[in-house]
Amino acid sequence: MKTKSLTILGINPGTRYFALVVLRDGNLMDWRIKAFNGKWSEEKLRKARAIISNFIKIYQPNILAFKSLHPSRNSNNLKKLERKIFEIGKENQVKFRQYSIQEIESFLSPGRRINKRTLSEMIVSQYPILQPELHLEQRNKSSYYVRMFVAVAVATLAQVQISR
């Protein structure tokens, strides 16, 4: 009898950009950053909902894993987006895993703090297909792809914990 594959939708939420990745049985199936230009609005929240719902429809994940909001670095709009993610997951009967940036860092590098550049490099060493995005990130003055690397780390952490 074949066991159902483990599919994880990893999300790094944000009101200007958010990253989505799909891991299926440890294989990186999809990775994207979605940009929302201009001021946050209900229309953008609807677009975010549609994007996440579409990913769930296409990939049918077992788990929705996402980076939790930092208590001092979030806004009411980001909290609305987080609630919407929970709502979408519940509607689709997808289980949740939520991780702080500290939990992600501890998973990748136990006992020592790492910066986002190091985090990105660690993720690329595990998923070499992401090398072009790392190269682009290293050339950018402001972080863009790092959001995606964090989403991959979140999904990977969920997979490791579930597989234990």
N, C-alpha and C. Protein backbone atom coordinates (compact mmCIF):
# COMPACT_ATOMS: atom_id res chain seq x y z
N MET A 1 0.83 -1.18 0.00
CA MET A 1 0.00 0.00 0.00
C MET A 1 0.88 1.25 0.00
N LYS A 2 0.60 2.16 -0.89
CA LYS A 2 1.39 3.38 -1.02
C LYS A 2 0.95 4.40 0.03
N THR A 3 1.93 4.98 0.72
CA THR A 3 1.60 6.01 1.69
C THR A 3 1.47 7.35 0.96
N LYS A 4 0.63 8.20 1.51
CA LYS A 4 0.42 9.52 0.92
C LYS A 4 1.70 10.35 1.07
N SER A 5 2.05 11.06 0.03
CA SER A 5 3.25 11.88 0.09
C SER A 5 3.04 13.06 1.05
N LEU A 6 4.13 13.54 1.59
CA LEU A 6 4.10 14.69 2.48
C LEU A 6 4.37 15.94 1.64
N THR A 7 3.37 16.79 1.55
CA THR A 7 3.50 18.02 0.78
C THR A 7 3.32 19.19 1.73
N ILE A 8 4.29 20.09 1.70
CA ILE A 8 4.28 21.24 2.61
C ILE A 8 4.30 22.52 1.78
N LEU A 9 3.35 23.39 2.08
CA LEU A 9 3.34 24.73 1.51
C LEU A 9 3.97 25.65 2.54
N GLY A 10 5.15 26.18 2.21
CA GLY A 10 5.85 27.10 3.10
C GLY A 10 5.58 28.53 2.69
N ILE A 11 5.29 29.37 3.67
CA ILE A 11 4.97 30.77 3.39
C ILE A 11 5.77 31.68 4.32
N ASN A 12 6.34 32.71 3.74
CA ASN A 12 6.95 33.78 4.51
C ASN A 12 6.09 35.02 4.20
N PRO A 13 5.15 35.35 5.11
CA PRO A 13 4.18 36.40 4.79
C PRO A 13 4.76 37.82 4.88
N GLY A 14 4.21 38.68 4.07
CA GLY A 14 4.56 40.09 4.10
C GLY A 14 3.52 40.88 3.32
N THR A 15 3.41 42.17 3.62
CA THR A 15 2.41 42.98 2.94
C THR A 15 2.93 43.59 1.64
N ARG A 16 4.24 43.63 1.46
CA ARG A 16 4.80 44.10 0.19
C ARG A 16 5.22 42.93 -0.68
N TYR A 17 5.80 41.92 -0.05
CA TYR A 17 6.21 40.70 -0.73
C TYR A 17 5.89 39.53 0.18
N PHE A 18 5.48 38.43 -0.40
CA PHE A 18 5.47 37.21 0.38
C PHE A 18 5.95 36.07 -0.49
N ALA A 19 6.57 35.10 0.17
CA ALA A 19 7.16 33.98 -0.55
C ALA A 19 6.36 32.72 -0.30
N LEU A 20 6.23 31.91 -1.34
CA LEU A 20 5.57 30.61 -1.25
C LEU A 20 6.50 29.56 -1.84
N VAL A 21 6.60 28.44 -1.16
CA VAL A 21 7.38 27.31 -1.66
C VAL A 21 6.60 26.03 -1.42
N VAL A 22 6.86 25.04 -2.25
CA VAL A 22 6.22 23.75 -2.08
C VAL A 22 7.30 22.68 -2.02
N LEU A 23 7.28 21.91 -0.93
CA LEU A 23 8.15 20.75 -0.76
C LEU A 23 7.28 19.51 -0.80
N ARG A 24 7.63 18.57 -1.64
CA ARG A 24 6.91 17.30 -1.67
C ARG A 24 7.93 16.19 -1.44
N ASP A 25 7.76 15.51 -0.32
CA ASP A 25 8.69 14.44 0.06
C ASP A 25 10.15 14.89 -0.02
N GLY A 26 10.40 16.11 0.41
CA GLY A 26 11.75 16.64 0.45
C GLY A 26 12.24 17.28 -0.84
N ASN A 27 11.44 17.19 -1.89
CA ASN A 27 11.82 17.78 -3.17
C ASN A 27 11.16 19.13 -3.34
N LEU A 28 11.94 20.12 -3.72
CA LEU A 28 11.43 21.46 -3.94
C LEU A 28 10.70 21.48 -5.28
N MET A 29 9.39 21.67 -5.21
CA MET A 29 8.54 21.60 -6.41
C MET A 29 8.28 22.98 -7.03
N ASP A 30 8.18 24.01 -6.19
CA ASP A 30 7.83 25.34 -6.68
C ASP A 30 8.33 26.36 -5.67
N TRP A 31 8.71 27.52 -6.13
CA TRP A 31 9.15 28.60 -5.26
C TRP A 31 8.90 29.92 -5.97
N ARG A 32 8.30 30.84 -5.23
CA ARG A 32 7.92 32.13 -5.83
C ARG A 32 7.91 33.23 -4.79
N ILE A 33 8.08 34.44 -5.29
CA ILE A 33 7.85 35.62 -4.47
C ILE A 33 6.76 36.42 -5.18
N LYS A 34 5.77 36.80 -4.42
CA LYS A 34 4.68 37.61 -4.96
C LYS A 34 4.83 39.02 -4.42
N ALA A 35 4.76 39.99 -5.31
CA ALA A 35 4.91 41.40 -4.92
C ALA A 35 3.57 42.10 -4.95
N PHE A 36 3.39 42.99 -3.99
CA PHE A 36 2.19 43.81 -3.91
C PHE A 36 2.64 45.27 -3.87
N ASN A 37 2.51 45.95 -4.99
CA ASN A 37 2.94 47.34 -5.07
C ASN A 37 1.88 48.25 -4.46
N GLY A 38 2.36 49.36 -3.93
CA GLY A 38 1.45 50.36 -3.38
C GLY A 38 0.97 50.02 -1.98
N LYS A 39 0.06 50.85 -1.52
CA LYS A 39 -0.47 50.72 -0.17
C LYS A 39 -1.31 49.45 -0.02
N TRP A 40 -1.22 48.82 1.14
CA TRP A 40 -1.98 47.61 1.42
C TRP A 40 -3.46 47.93 1.44
N SER A 41 -4.25 47.02 0.88
CA SER A 41 -5.69 47.25 0.80
C SER A 41 -6.43 45.92 0.89
N GLU A 42 -7.73 46.00 1.00
CA GLU A 42 -8.56 44.79 1.01
C GLU A 42 -8.42 44.04 -0.31
N GLU A 43 -8.26 44.76 -1.40
CA GLU A 43 -8.06 44.13 -2.71
C GLU A 43 -6.77 43.30 -2.72
N LYS A 44 -5.73 43.81 -2.13
CA LYS A 44 -4.47 43.06 -2.06
C LYS A 44 -4.62 41.84 -1.16
N LEU A 45 -5.40 41.97 -0.11
CA LEU A 45 -5.66 40.82 0.77
C LEU A 45 -6.43 39.74 -0.01
N ARG A 46 -7.37 40.15 -0.84
CA ARG A 46 -8.10 39.19 -1.68
C ARG A 46 -7.16 38.51 -2.68
N LYS A 47 -6.23 39.29 -3.24
CA LYS A 47 -5.25 38.71 -4.18
C LYS A 47 -4.36 37.70 -3.46
N ALA A 48 -3.91 38.05 -2.26
CA ALA A 48 -3.08 37.12 -1.48
C ALA A 48 -3.85 35.84 -1.20
N ARG A 49 -5.11 35.98 -0.82
CA ARG A 49 -5.96 34.82 -0.56
C ARG A 49 -6.08 33.94 -1.81
N ALA A 50 -6.29 34.57 -2.96
CA ALA A 50 -6.43 33.82 -4.21
C ALA A 50 -5.14 33.08 -4.55
N ILE A 51 -4.01 33.72 -4.35
CA ILE A 51 -2.72 33.09 -4.66
C ILE A 51 -2.50 31.87 -3.76
N ILE A 52 -2.72 32.03 -2.47
CA ILE A 52 -2.52 30.92 -1.53
C ILE A 52 -3.52 29.81 -1.81
N SER A 53 -4.76 30.16 -2.05
CA SER A 53 -5.80 29.17 -2.35
C SER A 53 -5.45 28.39 -3.61
N ASN A 54 -4.92 29.08 -4.61
CA ASN A 54 -4.53 28.43 -5.85
C ASN A 54 -3.39 27.43 -5.61
N PHE A 55 -2.41 27.81 -4.81
CA PHE A 55 -1.31 26.89 -4.48
C PHE A 55 -1.86 25.65 -3.77
N ILE A 56 -2.81 25.85 -2.87
CA ILE A 56 -3.41 24.72 -2.15
C ILE A 56 -4.17 23.82 -3.13
N LYS A 57 -4.88 24.43 -4.05
CA LYS A 57 -5.64 23.66 -5.04
C LYS A 57 -4.71 22.84 -5.93
N ILE A 58 -3.64 23.45 -6.38
CA ILE A 58 -2.71 22.77 -7.29
C ILE A 58 -1.92 21.67 -6.59
N TYR A 59 -1.34 21.98 -5.43
CA TYR A 59 -0.41 21.06 -4.78
C TYR A 59 -1.02 20.21 -3.66
N GLN A 60 -2.19 20.56 -3.18
CA GLN A 60 -2.88 19.83 -2.12
C GLN A 60 -1.95 19.46 -0.95
N PRO A 61 -1.42 20.48 -0.28
CA PRO A 61 -0.48 20.20 0.81
C PRO A 61 -1.17 19.57 2.02
N ASN A 62 -0.37 18.79 2.76
CA ASN A 62 -0.82 18.24 4.04
C ASN A 62 -0.62 19.28 5.15
N ILE A 63 0.41 20.09 4.96
CA ILE A 63 0.85 21.05 5.99
C ILE A 63 1.04 22.42 5.37
N LEU A 64 0.61 23.43 6.09
CA LEU A 64 0.87 24.81 5.74
C LEU A 64 1.82 25.33 6.82
N ALA A 65 3.07 25.57 6.45
CA ALA A 65 4.08 26.03 7.41
C ALA A 65 4.45 27.46 7.08
N PHE A 66 4.49 28.30 8.11
CA PHE A 66 4.87 29.67 7.82
C PHE A 66 5.63 30.31 8.97
N LYS A 67 6.37 31.34 8.58
CA LYS A 67 7.16 32.10 9.55
C LYS A 67 6.21 32.96 10.36
N SER A 68 6.32 32.85 11.67
CA SER A 68 5.46 33.66 12.53
C SER A 68 5.92 35.11 12.50
N LEU A 69 4.99 35.97 12.82
CA LEU A 69 5.29 37.40 12.84
C LEU A 69 6.12 37.75 14.07
N HIS A 70 7.07 38.61 13.88
CA HIS A 70 7.86 39.10 15.01
C HIS A 70 7.00 40.11 15.76
N PRO A 71 6.88 39.97 17.09
CA PRO A 71 5.97 40.84 17.85
C PRO A 71 6.22 42.34 17.66
N SER A 72 7.48 42.73 17.48
CA SER A 72 7.75 44.17 17.35
C SER A 72 7.87 44.62 15.90
N ARG A 73 7.75 43.69 14.96
CA ARG A 73 7.92 44.05 13.55
C ARG A 73 6.72 43.63 12.72
N ASN A 74 5.54 43.98 13.20
CA ASN A 74 4.37 43.66 12.40
C ASN A 74 3.37 44.80 12.48
N SER A 75 2.43 44.75 11.60
CA SER A 75 1.41 45.80 11.52
C SER A 75 0.03 45.13 11.56
N ASN A 76 -0.98 45.95 11.66
CA ASN A 76 -2.34 45.43 11.62
C ASN A 76 -2.61 44.71 10.29
N ASN A 77 -2.06 45.24 9.20
CA ASN A 77 -2.26 44.61 7.90
C ASN A 77 -1.58 43.24 7.83
N LEU A 78 -0.41 43.14 8.42
CA LEU A 78 0.29 41.86 8.44
C LEU A 78 -0.46 40.85 9.31
N LYS A 79 -1.03 41.34 10.40
CA LYS A 79 -1.85 40.46 11.25
C LYS A 79 -3.09 39.98 10.51
N LYS A 80 -3.68 40.86 9.69
CA LYS A 80 -4.84 40.46 8.87
C LYS A 80 -4.43 39.36 7.89
N LEU A 81 -3.26 39.53 7.28
CA LEU A 81 -2.77 38.53 6.34
C LEU A 81 -2.54 37.20 7.05
N GLU A 82 -1.98 37.25 8.23
CA GLU A 82 -1.74 36.02 8.99
C GLU A 82 -3.07 35.33 9.32
N ARG A 83 -4.05 36.10 9.75
CA ARG A 83 -5.37 35.51 10.04
C ARG A 83 -5.99 34.90 8.78
N LYS A 84 -5.79 35.56 7.65
CA LYS A 84 -6.31 35.04 6.39
C LYS A 84 -5.65 33.72 6.03
N ILE A 85 -4.35 33.60 6.28
CA ILE A 85 -3.64 32.35 6.02
C ILE A 85 -4.23 31.23 6.87
N PHE A 86 -4.46 31.50 8.17
CA PHE A 86 -5.09 30.50 9.04
C PHE A 86 -6.48 30.12 8.51
N GLU A 87 -7.24 31.11 8.10
CA GLU A 87 -8.59 30.89 7.59
C GLU A 87 -8.57 29.99 6.34
N ILE A 88 -7.67 30.28 5.43
CA ILE A 88 -7.56 29.49 4.20
C ILE A 88 -7.18 28.05 4.53
N GLY A 89 -6.24 27.88 5.43
CA GLY A 89 -5.84 26.54 5.83
C GLY A 89 -6.98 25.75 6.44
N LYS A 90 -7.72 26.39 7.34
CA LYS A 90 -8.86 25.72 7.98
C LYS A 90 -9.92 25.34 6.96
N GLU A 91 -10.22 26.25 6.04
CA GLU A 91 -11.22 25.97 5.00
C GLU A 91 -10.83 24.76 4.16
N ASN A 92 -9.53 24.59 3.95
CA ASN A 92 -9.03 23.51 3.11
C ASN A 92 -8.56 22.31 3.92
N GLN A 93 -8.80 22.34 5.21
CA GLN A 93 -8.43 21.26 6.12
C GLN A 93 -6.95 20.90 6.03
N VAL A 94 -6.12 21.95 6.02
CA VAL A 94 -4.67 21.79 5.99
C VAL A 94 -4.15 22.12 7.39
N LYS A 95 -3.30 21.25 7.94
CA LYS A 95 -2.74 21.47 9.26
C LYS A 95 -1.67 22.55 9.21
N PHE A 96 -1.43 23.18 10.37
CA PHE A 96 -0.51 24.31 10.46
C PHE A 96 0.75 23.97 11.23
N ARG A 97 1.82 24.61 10.83
CA ARG A 97 3.06 24.67 11.59
C ARG A 97 3.53 26.11 11.46
N GLN A 98 3.88 26.71 12.58
CA GLN A 98 4.33 28.10 12.57
C GLN A 98 5.65 28.17 13.33
N TYR A 99 6.63 28.88 12.77
CA TYR A 99 7.96 28.94 13.35
C TYR A 99 8.48 30.37 13.41
N SER A 100 9.13 30.68 14.50
CA SER A 100 9.78 31.99 14.63
C SER A 100 11.11 31.96 13.89
N ILE A 101 11.65 33.12 13.62
CA ILE A 101 12.95 33.19 12.95
C ILE A 101 14.02 32.56 13.85
N GLN A 102 13.86 32.65 15.17
CA GLN A 102 14.82 32.02 16.08
C GLN A 102 14.77 30.50 15.96
N GLU A 103 13.58 29.93 15.83
CA GLU A 103 13.45 28.47 15.65
C GLU A 103 14.08 28.04 14.33
N ILE A 104 13.90 28.83 13.31
CA ILE A 104 14.47 28.52 11.99
C ILE A 104 16.00 28.56 12.07
N GLU A 105 16.54 29.61 12.68
CA GLU A 105 18.00 29.73 12.83
C GLU A 105 18.55 28.57 13.65
N SER A 106 17.87 28.23 14.74
CA SER A 106 18.32 27.14 15.60
C SER A 106 18.31 25.81 14.85
N PHE A 107 17.33 25.60 14.00
CA PHE A 107 17.25 24.39 13.19
C PHE A 107 18.43 24.32 12.22
N LEU A 108 18.73 25.43 11.56
CA LEU A 108 19.80 25.45 10.55
C LEU A 108 21.19 25.45 11.16
N SER A 109 21.31 26.10 12.30
CA SER A 109 22.63 26.27 12.90
C SER A 109 22.51 26.22 14.42
N PRO A 110 22.35 25.02 14.98
CA PRO A 110 22.15 24.91 16.43
C PRO A 110 23.29 25.58 17.22
N GLY A 111 22.88 26.35 18.20
CA GLY A 111 23.85 26.96 19.11
C GLY A 111 24.52 28.23 18.64
N ARG A 112 24.24 28.68 17.43
CA ARG A 112 24.85 29.95 17.00
C ARG A 112 23.88 30.74 16.14
N ARG A 113 23.94 32.05 16.31
CA ARG A 113 23.10 32.95 15.53
C ARG A 113 23.65 33.05 14.12
N ILE A 114 22.75 33.17 13.15
CA ILE A 114 23.17 33.35 11.77
C ILE A 114 22.42 34.53 11.17
N ASN A 115 23.03 35.14 10.18
CA ASN A 115 22.34 36.22 9.50
C ASN A 115 21.59 35.66 8.28
N LYS A 116 20.82 36.51 7.64
CA LYS A 116 19.99 36.04 6.53
C LYS A 116 20.82 35.60 5.33
N ARG A 117 21.97 36.18 5.15
CA ARG A 117 22.85 35.76 4.05
C ARG A 117 23.33 34.33 4.28
N THR A 118 23.76 34.05 5.51
CA THR A 118 24.21 32.70 5.85
C THR A 118 23.05 31.72 5.73
N LEU A 119 21.87 32.13 6.20
CA LEU A 119 20.67 31.29 6.08
C LEU A 119 20.44 30.95 4.61
N SER A 120 20.52 31.94 3.76
CA SER A 120 20.30 31.73 2.32
C SER A 120 21.31 30.74 1.75
N GLU A 121 22.57 30.90 2.12
CA GLU A 121 23.62 30.01 1.63
C GLU A 121 23.41 28.58 2.12
N MET A 122 22.94 28.43 3.36
CA MET A 122 22.68 27.09 3.90
C MET A 122 21.53 26.41 3.14
N ILE A 123 20.52 27.17 2.82
CA ILE A 123 19.39 26.61 2.07
C ILE A 123 19.84 26.21 0.67
N VAL A 124 20.64 27.02 0.02
CA VAL A 124 21.12 26.70 -1.33
C VAL A 124 22.02 25.47 -1.31
N SER A 125 22.77 25.26 -0.22
CA SER A 125 23.60 24.05 -0.16
C SER A 125 22.72 22.80 -0.12
N GLN A 126 21.52 22.93 0.42
CA GLN A 126 20.58 21.80 0.47
C GLN A 126 19.75 21.69 -0.81
N TYR A 127 19.48 22.83 -1.44
CA TYR A 127 18.67 22.88 -2.66
C TYR A 127 19.44 23.68 -3.72
N PRO A 128 20.43 23.05 -4.37
CA PRO A 128 21.29 23.76 -5.33
C PRO A 128 20.53 24.41 -6.49
N ILE A 129 19.32 23.95 -6.77
CA ILE A 129 18.52 24.54 -7.85
C ILE A 129 18.25 26.03 -7.59
N LEU A 130 18.40 26.45 -6.33
CA LEU A 130 18.16 27.85 -5.96
C LEU A 130 19.40 28.74 -6.13
N GLN A 131 20.49 28.19 -6.66
CA GLN A 131 21.72 28.96 -6.85
C GLN A 131 21.51 30.25 -7.63
N PRO A 132 20.73 30.25 -8.73
CA PRO A 132 20.53 31.52 -9.46
C PRO A 132 19.89 32.61 -8.59
N GLU A 133 18.94 32.22 -7.73
CA GLU A 133 18.30 33.21 -6.86
C GLU A 133 19.29 33.74 -5.81
N LEU A 134 20.17 32.86 -5.33
CA LEU A 134 21.19 33.32 -4.38
C LEU A 134 22.12 34.32 -5.06
N HIS A 135 22.50 34.03 -6.28
CA HIS A 135 23.37 34.94 -7.02
C HIS A 135 22.69 36.30 -7.20
N LEU A 136 21.42 36.29 -7.55
CA LEU A 136 20.68 37.55 -7.70
C LEU A 136 20.57 38.28 -6.36
N GLU A 137 20.33 37.54 -5.29
CA GLU A 137 20.22 38.15 -3.97
C GLU A 137 21.53 38.82 -3.57
N GLN A 138 22.63 38.20 -3.88
CA GLN A 138 23.94 38.76 -3.52
C GLN A 138 24.22 40.05 -4.28
N ARG A 139 23.62 40.22 -5.45
CA ARG A 139 23.80 41.45 -6.23
C ARG A 139 22.84 42.56 -5.82
N ASN A 140 21.73 42.21 -5.17
CA ASN A 140 20.73 43.21 -4.77
C ASN A 140 21.22 44.03 -3.60
N LYS A 141 20.87 45.29 -3.59
CA LYS A 141 21.19 46.15 -2.46
C LYS A 141 20.22 45.92 -1.30
N SER A 142 18.98 45.62 -1.61
CA SER A 142 18.01 45.30 -0.57
C SER A 142 17.58 43.85 -0.73
N SER A 143 17.26 43.22 0.39
CA SER A 143 16.91 41.80 0.33
C SER A 143 15.57 41.60 -0.35
N TYR A 144 15.52 40.63 -1.22
CA TYR A 144 14.32 40.29 -1.95
C TYR A 144 14.12 38.78 -1.89
N TYR A 145 15.07 38.04 -2.43
CA TYR A 145 14.97 36.58 -2.47
C TYR A 145 15.12 35.94 -1.10
N VAL A 146 15.69 36.66 -0.15
CA VAL A 146 15.86 36.08 1.18
C VAL A 146 14.51 35.63 1.75
N ARG A 147 13.45 36.31 1.38
CA ARG A 147 12.11 35.91 1.83
C ARG A 147 11.79 34.48 1.38
N MET A 148 12.21 34.16 0.16
CA MET A 148 11.98 32.83 -0.37
C MET A 148 12.84 31.80 0.36
N PHE A 149 14.09 32.15 0.65
CA PHE A 149 14.96 31.22 1.36
C PHE A 149 14.41 30.93 2.75
N VAL A 150 13.83 31.92 3.39
CA VAL A 150 13.21 31.71 4.71
C VAL A 150 12.00 30.78 4.57
N ALA A 151 11.21 30.96 3.52
CA ALA A 151 10.05 30.08 3.30
C ALA A 151 10.50 28.64 3.07
N VAL A 152 11.60 28.45 2.35
CA VAL A 152 12.13 27.10 2.14
C VAL A 152 12.59 26.52 3.47
N ALA A 153 13.25 27.33 4.29
CA ALA A 153 13.71 26.86 5.60
C ALA A 153 12.53 26.45 6.47
N VAL A 154 11.45 27.22 6.44
CA VAL A 154 10.25 26.91 7.23
C VAL A 154 9.67 25.56 6.78
N ALA A 155 9.55 25.37 5.48
CA ALA A 155 8.99 24.12 4.96
C ALA A 155 9.90 22.94 5.30
N THR A 156 11.20 23.15 5.19
CA THR A 156 12.16 22.08 5.51
C THR A 156 12.10 21.72 6.99
N LEU A 157 12.02 22.72 7.84
CA LEU A 157 11.92 22.47 9.28
C LEU A 157 10.65 21.67 9.59
N ALA A 158 9.54 22.03 8.99
CA ALA A 158 8.29 21.29 9.19
C ALA A 158 8.45 19.84 8.74
N GLN A 159 9.07 19.65 7.59
CA GLN A 159 9.25 18.29 7.08
C GLN A 159 10.11 17.45 8.03
N VAL A 160 11.20 18.01 8.51
CA VAL A 160 12.08 17.27 9.42
C VAL A 160 11.33 16.91 10.70
N GLN A 161 10.60 17.86 11.26
CA GLN A 161 9.86 17.58 12.50
C GLN A 161 8.78 16.52 12.30
N ILE A 162 8.09 16.59 11.19
CA ILE A 162 7.01 15.63 10.93
C ILE A 162 7.58 14.23 10.66
N SER A 163 8.70 14.19 9.99
CA SER A 163 9.31 12.89 9.62
C SER A 163 9.94 12.15 10.79
N ARG A 164 10.14 12.83 11.90
CA ARG A 164 10.78 12.20 13.07
C ARG A 164 9.89 11.19 13.71
